[in-house]
PDB file of N, CA and C in Angstrom:
ATOM      1  N   MET A   1     -47.883 371.207 -85.630  1.00  0.00           N
ATOM      2  CA  MET A   1     -46.764 370.328 -85.386  1.00  0.00           C
ATOM      3  C   MET A   1     -46.409 370.333 -83.892  1.00  0.00           C
ATOM      4  N   ALA A   2     -46.417 371.521 -83.278  1.00  0.00           N
ATOM      5  CA  ALA A   2     -46.111 371.607 -81.852  1.00  0.00           C
ATOM      6  C   ALA A   2     -47.161 370.880 -81.023  1.00  0.00           C
ATOM      7  N   ASN A   3     -48.419 370.994 -81.407  1.00  0.00           N
ATOM      8  CA  ASN A   3     -49.483 370.314 -80.670  1.00  0.00           C
ATOM      9  C   ASN A   3     -49.340 368.802 -80.784  1.00  0.00           C
ATOM     10  N   ALA A   4     -48.976 368.311 -81.940  1.00  0.00           N
ATOM     11  CA  ALA A   4     -48.781 366.868 -82.115  1.00  0.00           C
ATOM     12  C   ALA A   4     -47.627 366.378 -81.249  1.00  0.00           C
ATOM     13  N   ALA A   5     -46.540 367.138 -81.181  1.00  0.00           N
ATOM     14  CA  ALA A   5     -45.405 366.760 -80.342  1.00  0.00           C
ATOM     15  C   ALA A   5     -45.790 366.793 -78.861  1.00  0.00           C
ATOM     16  N   TYR A   6     -46.570 367.788 -78.478  1.00  0.00           N
ATOM     17  CA  TYR A   6     -47.021 367.877 -77.090  1.00  0.00           C
ATOM     18  C   TYR A   6     -47.881 366.669 -76.727  1.00  0.00           C
ATOM     19  N   GLN A   7     -48.824 366.338 -77.592  1.00  0.00           N
ATOM     20  CA  GLN A   7     -49.709 365.210 -77.318  1.00  0.00           C
ATOM     21  C   GLN A   7     -48.939 363.889 -77.260  1.00  0.00           C
ATOM     22  N   ALA A   8     -47.901 363.764 -78.072  1.00  0.00           N
ATOM     23  CA  ALA A   8     -47.073 362.563 -78.025  1.00  0.00           C
ATOM     24  C   ALA A   8     -46.313 362.479 -76.706  1.00  0.00           C
ATOM     25  N   GLY A   9     -45.879 363.609 -76.179  1.00  0.00           N
ATOM     26  CA  GLY A   9     -45.162 363.625 -74.910  1.00  0.00           C
ATOM     27  C   GLY A   9     -46.066 363.383 -73.715  1.00  0.00           C
ATOM     28  N   VAL A  10     -47.315 363.810 -73.798  1.00  0.00           N
ATOM     29  CA  VAL A  10     -48.259 363.646 -72.690  1.00  0.00           C
ATOM     30  C   VAL A  10     -48.489 362.165 -72.392  1.00  0.00           C
ATOM     31  N   GLN A  11     -48.467 361.334 -73.380  1.00  0.00           N
ATOM     32  CA  GLN A  11     -48.667 359.901 -73.164  1.00  0.00           C
ATOM     33  C   GLN A  11     -47.596 359.348 -72.227  1.00  0.00           C
ATOM     34  N   PHE A  12     -46.356 359.708 -72.457  1.00  0.00           N
ATOM     35  CA  PHE A  12     -45.268 359.221 -71.614  1.00  0.00           C
ATOM     36  C   PHE A  12     -45.318 359.862 -70.229  1.00  0.00           C
ATOM     37  N   TYR A  13     -45.670 361.137 -70.184  1.00  0.00           N
ATOM     38  CA  TYR A  13     -45.778 361.837 -68.902  1.00  0.00           C
ATOM     39  C   TYR A  13     -46.845 361.178 -68.029  1.00  0.00           C
ATOM     40  N   ASP A  14     -48.008 360.930 -68.597  1.00  0.00           N
ATOM     41  CA  ASP A  14     -49.095 360.320 -67.832  1.00  0.00           C
ATOM     42  C   ASP A  14     -48.739 358.899 -67.391  1.00  0.00           C
ATOM     43  N   ALA A  15     -48.022 358.172 -68.234  1.00  0.00           N
ATOM     44  CA  ALA A  15     -47.650 356.801 -67.891  1.00  0.00           C
ATOM     45  C   ALA A  15     -46.613 356.757 -66.767  1.00  0.00           C
ATOM     46  N   LEU A  16     -45.731 357.741 -66.705  1.00  0.00           N
ATOM     47  CA  LEU A  16     -44.667 357.733 -65.694  1.00  0.00           C
ATOM     48  C   LEU A  16     -45.054 358.418 -64.387  1.00  0.00           C
ATOM     49  N   ARG A  17     -46.114 359.170 -64.385  1.00  0.00           N
ATOM     50  CA  ARG A  17     -46.480 359.929 -63.186  1.00  0.00           C
ATOM     51  C   ARG A  17     -46.703 359.052 -61.963  1.00  0.00           C
ATOM     52  N   PRO A  18     -47.357 357.901 -62.037  1.00  0.00           N
ATOM     53  CA  PRO A  18     -47.506 357.077 -60.830  1.00  0.00           C
ATOM     54  C   PRO A  18     -46.172 356.583 -60.263  1.00  0.00           C
ATOM     55  N   GLU A  19     -45.136 356.539 -61.080  1.00  0.00           N
ATOM     56  CA  GLU A  19     -43.828 356.089 -60.606  1.00  0.00           C
ATOM     57  C   GLU A  19     -43.099 357.158 -59.795  1.00  0.00           C
ATOM     58  N   VAL A  20     -43.400 358.422 -60.021  1.00  0.00           N
ATOM     59  CA  VAL A  20     -42.645 359.496 -59.380  1.00  0.00           C
ATOM     60  C   VAL A  20     -43.421 360.229 -58.293  1.00  0.00           C
ATOM     61  N   THR A  21     -44.669 359.885 -58.079  1.00  0.00           N
ATOM     62  CA  THR A  21     -45.464 360.598 -57.078  1.00  0.00           C
ATOM     63  C   THR A  21     -46.504 359.664 -56.468  1.00  0.00           C
ATOM     64  N   THR A  22     -47.120 360.142 -55.402  1.00  0.00           N
ATOM     65  CA  THR A  22     -48.202 359.407 -54.759  1.00  0.00           C
ATOM     66  C   THR A  22     -49.508 360.155 -55.016  1.00  0.00           C
ATOM     67  N   GLU A  23     -50.594 359.546 -54.613  1.00  0.00           N
ATOM     68  CA  GLU A  23     -51.907 360.165 -54.798  1.00  0.00           C
ATOM     69  C   GLU A  23     -52.019 361.473 -54.006  1.00  0.00           C
ATOM     70  N   ALA A  24     -51.328 361.548 -52.873  1.00  0.00           N
ATOM     71  CA  ALA A  24     -51.435 362.718 -51.999  1.00  0.00           C
ATOM     72  C   ALA A  24     -50.803 363.975 -52.605  1.00  0.00           C
ATOM     73  N   ASN A  25     -49.725 363.832 -53.335  1.00  0.00           N
ATOM     74  CA  ASN A  25     -49.064 365.025 -53.876  1.00  0.00           C
ATOM     75  C   ASN A  25     -48.999 365.027 -55.402  1.00  0.00           C
ATOM     76  N   ARG A  26     -49.905 364.346 -56.032  1.00  0.00           N
ATOM     77  CA  ARG A  26     -49.922 364.264 -57.497  1.00  0.00           C
ATOM     78  C   ARG A  26     -50.129 365.630 -58.151  1.00  0.00           C
ATOM     79  N   GLY A  27     -51.011 366.450 -57.611  1.00  0.00           N
ATOM     80  CA  GLY A  27     -51.258 367.777 -58.180  1.00  0.00           C
ATOM     81  C   GLY A  27     -50.046 368.684 -58.068  1.00  0.00           C
ATOM     82  N   ARG A  28     -49.336 368.581 -56.950  1.00  0.00           N
ATOM     83  CA  ARG A  28     -48.139 369.406 -56.757  1.00  0.00           C
ATOM     84  C   ARG A  28     -47.060 369.038 -57.766  1.00  0.00           C
ATOM     85  N   ILE A  29     -46.832 367.761 -57.954  1.00  0.00           N
ATOM     86  CA  ILE A  29     -45.820 367.311 -58.906  1.00  0.00           C
ATOM     87  C   ILE A  29     -46.222 367.705 -60.330  1.00  0.00           C
ATOM     88  N   GLY A  30     -47.505 367.584 -60.655  1.00  0.00           N
ATOM     89  CA  GLY A  30     -47.979 368.003 -61.969  1.00  0.00           C
ATOM     90  C   GLY A  30     -47.776 369.488 -62.196  1.00  0.00           C
ATOM     91  N   GLY A  31     -48.034 370.296 -61.163  1.00  0.00           N
ATOM     92  CA  GLY A  31     -47.831 371.735 -61.261  1.00  0.00           C
ATOM     93  C   GLY A  31     -46.369 372.099 -61.455  1.00  0.00           C
ATOM     94  N   ILE A  32     -45.484 371.382 -60.763  1.00  0.00           N
ATOM     95  CA  ILE A  32     -44.047 371.624 -60.938  1.00  0.00           C
ATOM     96  C   ILE A  32     -43.640 371.288 -62.368  1.00  0.00           C
ATOM     97  N   GLY A  33     -44.166 370.200 -62.910  1.00  0.00           N
ATOM     98  CA  GLY A  33     -43.854 369.824 -64.286  1.00  0.00           C
ATOM     99  C   GLY A  33     -44.296 370.880 -65.285  1.00  0.00           C
ATOM    100  N   VAL A  34     -45.474 371.420 -65.095  1.00  0.00           N
ATOM    101  CA  VAL A  34     -45.968 372.468 -65.991  1.00  0.00           C
ATOM    102  C   VAL A  34     -45.103 373.718 -65.857  1.00  0.00           C
ATOM    103  N   GLY A  35     -44.749 374.075 -64.629  1.00  0.00           N
ATOM    104  CA  GLY A  35     -43.910 375.248 -64.404  1.00  0.00           C
ATOM    105  C   GLY A  35     -42.536 375.119 -65.045  1.00  0.00           C
ATOM    106  N   VAL A  36     -41.932 373.938 -64.931  1.00  0.00           N
ATOM    107  CA  VAL A  36     -40.623 373.709 -65.551  1.00  0.00           C
ATOM    108  C   VAL A  36     -40.747 373.778 -67.075  1.00  0.00           C
ATOM    109  N   GLY A  37     -41.852 373.288 -67.605  1.00  0.00           N
ATOM    110  CA  GLY A  37     -42.075 373.370 -69.045  1.00  0.00           C
ATOM    111  C   GLY A  37     -42.173 374.806 -69.531  1.00  0.00           C
ATOM    112  N   TYR A  38     -42.909 375.636 -68.792  1.00  0.00           N
ATOM    113  CA  TYR A  38     -43.011 377.046 -69.158  1.00  0.00           C
ATOM    114  C   TYR A  38     -41.666 377.755 -69.019  1.00  0.00           C
ATOM    115  N   LEU A  39     -40.914 377.425 -67.979  1.00  0.00           N
ATOM    116  CA  LEU A  39     -39.594 378.017 -67.807  1.00  0.00           C
ATOM    117  C   LEU A  39     -38.680 377.664 -68.978  1.00  0.00           C
ATOM    118  N   GLY A  40     -38.724 376.413 -69.405  1.00  0.00           N
ATOM    119  CA  GLY A  40     -37.930 375.995 -70.562  1.00  0.00           C
ATOM    120  C   GLY A  40     -38.332 376.723 -71.829  1.00  0.00           C
ATOM    121  N   SER A  41     -39.624 376.939 -72.003  1.00  0.00           N
ATOM    122  CA  SER A  41     -40.098 377.676 -73.178  1.00  0.00           C
ATOM    123  C   SER A  41     -39.598 379.115 -73.162  1.00  0.00           C
ATOM    124  N   CYS A  42     -39.673 379.755 -72.003  1.00  0.00           N
ATOM    125  CA  CYS A  42     -39.192 381.141 -71.895  1.00  0.00           C
ATOM    126  C   CYS A  42     -37.693 381.223 -72.157  1.00  0.00           C
ATOM    127  N   LEU A  43     -36.932 380.284 -71.620  1.00  0.00           N
ATOM    128  CA  LEU A  43     -35.493 380.276 -71.868  1.00  0.00           C
ATOM    129  C   LEU A  43     -35.186 380.057 -73.345  1.00  0.00           C
ATOM    130  N   ALA A  44     -35.909 379.152 -73.980  1.00  0.00           N
ATOM    131  CA  ALA A  44     -35.673 378.879 -75.394  1.00  0.00           C
ATOM    132  C   ALA A  44     -35.970 380.107 -76.253  1.00  0.00           C
ATOM    133  N   VAL A  45     -37.051 380.796 -75.957  1.00  0.00           N
ATOM    134  CA  VAL A  45     -37.384 382.002 -76.717  1.00  0.00           C
ATOM    135  C   VAL A  45     -36.333 383.084 -76.486  1.00  0.00           C
ATOM    136  N   GLY A  46     -35.914 383.262 -75.238  1.00  0.00           N
ATOM    137  CA  GLY A  46     -34.900 384.266 -74.938  1.00  0.00           C
ATOM    138  C   GLY A  46     -33.578 383.976 -75.617  1.00  0.00           C
ATOM    139  N   ILE A  47     -33.132 382.741 -75.565  1.00  0.00           N
ATOM    140  CA  ILE A  47     -31.883 382.362 -76.222  1.00  0.00           C
ATOM    141  C   ILE A  47     -32.024 382.497 -77.731  1.00  0.00           C
ATOM    142  N   GLY A  48     -33.175 382.128 -78.257  1.00  0.00           N
ATOM    143  CA  GLY A  48     -33.409 382.274 -79.690  1.00  0.00           C
ATOM    144  C   GLY A  48     -33.350 383.713 -80.142  1.00  0.00           C
ATOM    145  N   LEU A  49     -33.957 384.602 -79.363  1.00  0.00           N
ATOM    146  CA  LEU A  49     -33.911 386.020 -79.716  1.00  0.00           C
ATOM    147  C   LEU A  49     -32.488 386.572 -79.633  1.00  0.00           C
ATOM    148  N   LEU A  50     -31.749 386.117 -78.636  1.00  0.00           N
ATOM    149  CA  LEU A  50     -30.372 386.570 -78.479  1.00  0.00           C
ATOM    150  C   LEU A  50     -29.512 386.155 -79.669  1.00  0.00           C
ATOM    151  N   PHE A  51     -29.591 384.903 -80.051  1.00  0.00           N
ATOM    152  CA  PHE A  51     -28.766 384.411 -81.147  1.00  0.00           C
ATOM    153  C   PHE A  51     -29.267 384.860 -82.517  1.00  0.00           C
ATOM    154  N   SER A  52     -30.564 385.044 -82.661  1.00  0.00           N
ATOM    155  CA  SER A  52     -31.072 385.469 -83.973  1.00  0.00           C
ATOM    156  C   SER A  52     -30.648 386.900 -84.288  1.00  0.00           C
ATOM    157  N   ALA A  53     -30.401 387.700 -83.261  1.00  0.00           N
ATOM    158  CA  ALA A  53     -29.935 389.062 -83.492  1.00  0.00           C
ATOM    159  C   ALA A  53     -28.475 389.086 -83.914  1.00  0.00           C
ATOM    160  N   MET A  54     -27.748 388.022 -83.662  1.00  0.00           N
ATOM    161  CA  MET A  54     -26.321 387.975 -83.983  1.00  0.00           C
ATOM    162  C   MET A  54     -26.063 387.488 -85.405  1.00  0.00           C
ATOM    163  N   ASN A  55     -26.232 386.204 -85.605  1.00  0.00           N
ATOM    164  CA  ASN A  55     -25.855 385.596 -86.873  1.00  0.00           C
ATOM    165  C   ASN A  55     -26.818 384.449 -87.157  1.00  0.00           C
ATOM    166  N   CYS A  56     -27.536 384.528 -88.262  1.00  0.00           N
ATOM    167  CA  CYS A  56     -28.537 383.504 -88.566  1.00  0.00           C
ATOM    168  C   CYS A  56     -27.925 382.128 -88.755  1.00  0.00           C
ATOM    169  N   ALA A  57     -26.776 382.047 -89.385  1.00  0.00           N
ATOM    170  CA  ALA A  57     -26.147 380.739 -89.607  1.00  0.00           C
ATOM    171  C   ALA A  57     -25.761 380.100 -88.278  1.00  0.00           C
ATOM    172  N   LEU A  58     -25.214 380.880 -87.368  1.00  0.00           N
ATOM    173  CA  LEU A  58     -24.854 380.366 -86.050  1.00  0.00           C
ATOM    174  C   LEU A  58     -26.104 379.939 -85.289  1.00  0.00           C
ATOM    175  N   TYR A  59     -27.148 380.730 -85.375  1.00  0.00           N
ATOM    176  CA  TYR A  59     -28.404 380.424 -84.696  1.00  0.00           C
ATOM    177  C   TYR A  59     -28.968 379.082 -85.153  1.00  0.00           C
ATOM    178  N   PHE A  60     -29.045 378.857 -86.465  1.00  0.00           N
ATOM    179  CA  PHE A  60     -29.583 377.607 -86.969  1.00  0.00           C
ATOM    180  C   PHE A  60     -28.702 376.428 -86.617  1.00  0.00           C
ATOM    181  N   THR A  61     -27.409 376.622 -86.549  1.00  0.00           N
ATOM    182  CA  THR A  61     -26.498 375.555 -86.159  1.00  0.00           C
ATOM    183  C   THR A  61     -26.727 375.162 -84.701  1.00  0.00           C
ATOM    184  N   ILE A  62     -26.906 376.154 -83.823  1.00  0.00           N
ATOM    185  CA  ILE A  62     -27.146 375.872 -82.413  1.00  0.00           C
ATOM    186  C   ILE A  62     -28.484 375.169 -82.218  1.00  0.00           C
ATOM    187  N   VAL A  63     -29.506 375.612 -82.916  1.00  0.00           N
ATOM    188  CA  VAL A  63     -30.816 374.966 -82.816  1.00  0.00           C
ATOM    189  C   VAL A  63     -30.744 373.529 -83.314  1.00  0.00           C
ATOM    190  N   ALA A  64     -30.052 373.305 -84.404  1.00  0.00           N
ATOM    191  CA  ALA A  64     -29.927 371.945 -84.936  1.00  0.00           C
ATOM    192  C   ALA A  64     -29.159 371.047 -83.982  1.00  0.00           C
ATOM    193  N   ALA A  65     -28.158 371.580 -83.315  1.00  0.00           N
ATOM    194  CA  ALA A  65     -27.374 370.776 -82.358  1.00  0.00           C
ATOM    195  C   ALA A  65     -28.180 370.499 -81.085  1.00  0.00           C
ATOM    196  N   ALA A  66     -29.011 371.456 -80.685  1.00  0.00           N
ATOM    197  CA  ALA A  66     -29.798 371.285 -79.456  1.00  0.00           C
ATOM    198  C   ALA A  66     -30.989 370.379 -79.651  1.00  0.00           C
ATOM    199  N   CYS A  67     -31.488 370.260 -80.858  1.00  0.00           N
ATOM    200  CA  CYS A  67     -32.675 369.444 -81.141  1.00  0.00           C
ATOM    201  C   CYS A  67     -32.314 368.372 -82.182  1.00  0.00           C
ATOM    202  N   PRO A  68     -31.634 367.305 -81.757  1.00  0.00           N
ATOM    203  CA  PRO A  68     -31.174 366.308 -82.725  1.00  0.00           C
ATOM    204  C   PRO A  68     -32.291 365.469 -83.340  1.00  0.00           C
ATOM    205  N   SER A  69     -33.461 365.443 -82.730  1.00  0.00           N
ATOM    206  CA  SER A  69     -34.528 364.609 -83.295  1.00  0.00           C
ATOM    207  C   SER A  69     -35.207 365.313 -84.352  1.00  0.00           C
TER     208      SER A  69
END
C-alpha cells in the first residue's frame, strides 16, 4: 500500500519538477526533496512512538486527524 501511494506521488513530483528548478540545479532540488521526505518519515515514526506509549485511543485519533485522506 505504501509503495502504491509513493508511486502515485512520484507522478506529480516529476510533472512539477520543471516548474520549480532549472536543468543546472535539478539534482540538488531532487536531493533536497528526498531529504525532506526522510526527515518527515523520521518525525512521523518518532511522534508515533511517543503517542503510542501514552494512550492508544488518543494516538489513533491524532493519526486520523493528521491523515484525512
